Amino acid sequence: MRQAHMNESVSINIRAKVRQRDLIDQAADQQGRSRSDFMLEAACRKAEDVLLDQTFFTVDAKTFEKFQTLLNKPLPATARLQRLLATKAPWDK
């Protein structure tokens, strides 16, 4: 089997229901993009999210302690923060 080079285009075939295709086409048209371009960008974004969720970072104890200190430090009570906290979530409206 021949291995593709990094910049070489390859074909990816998938089956979809008519309503799925129509939904994708509607969204792609809204953005002025082709179905293939829209689907490929969406699939790559999801693939990156999945891989980044699996990324493991290691730090030394001192760095981790600083990180935890920052997480536990309360945010300053600015007007912007107070507005944000007072805003109802869209699902609570």
C-alpha atoms as a PDB file:
ATOM      1  CA  MET A   1       0.000   0.000   0.000  1.00  0.00           C
ATOM      2  CA  ARG A   2       1.348   3.399  -0.999  1.00  0.00           C
ATOM      3  CA  GLN A   3       1.546   5.984   1.786  1.00  0.00           C
ATOM      4  CA  ALA A   4       0.278   9.508   1.026  1.00  0.00           C
ATOM      5  CA  HIS A   5       2.573  12.494   1.403  1.00  0.00           C
ATOM      6  CA  MET A   6       1.601  15.257   3.852  1.00  0.00           C
ATOM      7  CA  ASN A   7       0.292  17.674   1.176  1.00  0.00           C
ATOM      8  CA  GLU A   8      -1.205  15.076  -1.168  1.00  0.00           C
ATOM      9  CA  SER A   9      -5.002  15.106  -1.408  1.00  0.00           C
ATOM     10  CA  VAL A  10      -6.823  11.890  -0.590  1.00  0.00           C
ATOM     11  CA  SER A  11     -10.457  10.906  -0.851  1.00  0.00           C
ATOM     12  CA  ILE A  12     -12.615  10.343   2.265  1.00  0.00           C
ATOM     13  CA  ASN A  13     -16.029   8.811   1.593  1.00  0.00           C
ATOM     14  CA  ILE A  14     -18.898   8.743   4.098  1.00  0.00           C
ATOM     15  CA  ARG A  15     -22.579   7.867   3.927  1.00  0.00           C
ATOM     16  CA  ALA A  16     -25.200  10.233   5.327  1.00  0.00           C
ATOM     17  CA  LYS A  17     -28.943  10.459   5.592  1.00  0.00           C
ATOM     18  CA  VAL A  18     -30.665  12.967   3.301  1.00  0.00           C
ATOM     19  CA  ARG A  19     -31.597  15.265   6.201  1.00  0.00           C
ATOM     20  CA  GLN A  20     -27.977  15.226   7.451  1.00  0.00           C
ATOM     21  CA  ARG A  21     -26.685  16.146   3.992  1.00  0.00           C
ATOM     22  CA  ASP A  22     -29.298  18.890   3.679  1.00  0.00           C
ATOM     23  CA  LEU A  23     -28.378  20.328   7.082  1.00  0.00           C
ATOM     24  CA  ILE A  24     -24.681  20.325   6.192  1.00  0.00           C
ATOM     25  CA  ASP A  25     -25.413  21.907   2.813  1.00  0.00           C
ATOM     26  CA  GLN A  26     -27.516  24.636   4.432  1.00  0.00           C
ATOM     27  CA  ALA A  27     -24.737  25.506   6.891  1.00  0.00           C
ATOM     28  CA  ALA A  28     -22.041  25.365   4.201  1.00  0.00           C
ATOM     29  CA  ASP A  29     -24.121  27.631   1.929  1.00  0.00           C
ATOM     30  CA  GLN A  30     -24.596  30.074   4.816  1.00  0.00           C
ATOM     31  CA  GLN A  31     -20.815  30.406   5.022  1.00  0.00           C
ATOM     32  CA  GLY A  32     -20.271  30.437   1.267  1.00  0.00           C
ATOM     33  CA  ARG A  33     -18.282  27.187   1.401  1.00  0.00           C
ATOM     34  CA  SER A  34     -18.484  23.854  -0.344  1.00  0.00           C
ATOM     35  CA  ARG A  35     -19.912  20.838   1.454  1.00  0.00           C
ATOM     36  CA  SER A  36     -16.503  19.126   1.391  1.00  0.00           C
ATOM     37  CA  ASP A  37     -14.665  22.170   2.745  1.00  0.00           C
ATOM     38  CA  PHE A  38     -17.263  22.681   5.493  1.00  0.00           C
ATOM     39  CA  MET A  39     -17.247  19.009   6.544  1.00  0.00           C
ATOM     40  CA  LEU A  40     -13.477  18.693   6.480  1.00  0.00           C
ATOM     41  CA  GLU A  41     -12.976  21.823   8.603  1.00  0.00           C
ATOM     42  CA  ALA A  42     -15.610  20.673  11.132  1.00  0.00           C
ATOM     43  CA  ALA A  43     -14.159  17.156  11.331  1.00  0.00           C
ATOM     44  CA  CYS A  44     -10.602  18.451  11.786  1.00  0.00           C
ATOM     45  CA  ARG A  45     -11.722  20.856  14.526  1.00  0.00           C
ATOM     46  CA  LYS A  46     -13.425  17.981  16.384  1.00  0.00           C
ATOM     47  CA  ALA A  47     -10.389  15.724  15.894  1.00  0.00           C
ATOM     48  CA  GLU A  48      -8.110  18.405  17.376  1.00  0.00           C
ATOM     49  CA  ASP A  49     -10.472  18.792  20.364  1.00  0.00           C
ATOM     50  CA  VAL A  50     -10.416  15.044  21.009  1.00  0.00           C
ATOM     51  CA  LEU A  51      -6.628  14.865  20.788  1.00  0.00           C
ATOM     52  CA  LEU A  52      -6.091  17.965  22.931  1.00  0.00           C
ATOM     53  CA  ASP A  53      -8.405  16.517  25.602  1.00  0.00           C
ATOM     54  CA  GLN A  54      -6.002  13.567  25.796  1.00  0.00           C
ATOM     55  CA  THR A  55      -2.889  15.713  26.191  1.00  0.00           C
ATOM     56  CA  PHE A  56      -1.032  15.180  29.441  1.00  0.00           C
ATOM     57  CA  PHE A  57       1.097  17.969  30.878  1.00  0.00           C
ATOM     58  CA  THR A  58       3.709  17.455  33.554  1.00  0.00           C
ATOM     59  CA  VAL A  59       5.190  20.181  35.740  1.00  0.00           C
ATOM     60  CA  ASP A  60       7.412  20.210  38.758  1.00  0.00           C
ATOM     61  CA  ALA A  61       5.923  20.553  42.263  1.00  0.00           C
ATOM     62  CA  LYS A  62       6.763  24.268  42.545  1.00  0.00           C
ATOM     63  CA  THR A  63       5.042  25.121  39.246  1.00  0.00           C
ATOM     64  CA  PHE A  64       2.002  23.026  40.182  1.00  0.00           C
ATOM     65  CA  GLU A  65       1.763  24.829  43.526  1.00  0.00           C
ATOM     66  CA  LYS A  66       1.802  28.208  41.742  1.00  0.00           C
ATOM     67  CA  PHE A  67      -0.884  26.935  39.366  1.00  0.00           C
ATOM     68  CA  GLN A  68      -3.118  25.812  42.232  1.00  0.00           C
ATOM     69  CA  THR A  69      -2.616  29.131  44.023  1.00  0.00           C
ATOM     70  CA  LEU A  70      -3.789  30.992  40.910  1.00  0.00           C
ATOM     71  CA  LEU A  71      -6.827  28.711  40.543  1.00  0.00           C
ATOM     72  CA  ASN A  72      -7.841  29.239  44.167  1.00  0.00           C
ATOM     73  CA  LYS A  73      -7.308  33.008  44.125  1.00  0.00           C
ATOM     74  CA  PRO A  74     -10.647  34.836  43.815  1.00  0.00           C
ATOM     75  CA  LEU A  75     -11.100  37.154  40.873  1.00  0.00           C
ATOM     76  CA  PRO A  76     -11.239  40.873  41.630  1.00  0.00           C
ATOM     77  CA  ALA A  77     -14.842  42.088  41.902  1.00  0.00           C
ATOM     78  CA  THR A  78     -14.860  44.324  38.844  1.00  0.00           C
ATOM     79  CA  ALA A  79     -18.019  45.783  37.331  1.00  0.00           C
ATOM     80  CA  ARG A  80     -17.506  43.518  34.338  1.00  0.00           C
ATOM     81  CA  LEU A  81     -17.390  40.387  36.507  1.00  0.00           C
ATOM     82  CA  GLN A  82     -20.459  41.497  38.458  1.00  0.00           C
ATOM     83  CA  ARG A  83     -22.359  42.031  35.167  1.00  0.00           C
ATOM     84  CA  LEU A  84     -21.325  38.587  33.976  1.00  0.00           C
ATOM     85  CA  LEU A  85     -22.412  36.903  37.195  1.00  0.00           C
ATOM     86  CA  ALA A  86     -25.741  38.763  37.170  1.00  0.00           C
ATOM     87  CA  THR A  87     -26.538  37.732  33.581  1.00  0.00           C
ATOM     88  CA  LYS A  88     -28.955  34.820  33.268  1.00  0.00           C
ATOM     89  CA  ALA A  89     -27.760  31.893  31.188  1.00  0.00           C
ATOM     90  CA  PRO A  90     -29.655  31.533  27.875  1.00  0.00           C
ATOM     91  CA  TRP A  91     -31.198  28.249  29.070  1.00  0.00           C
ATOM     92  CA  ASP A  92     -32.516  29.952  32.246  1.00  0.00           C
ATOM     93  CA  LYS A  93     -34.353  32.726  30.388  1.00  0.00           C
END
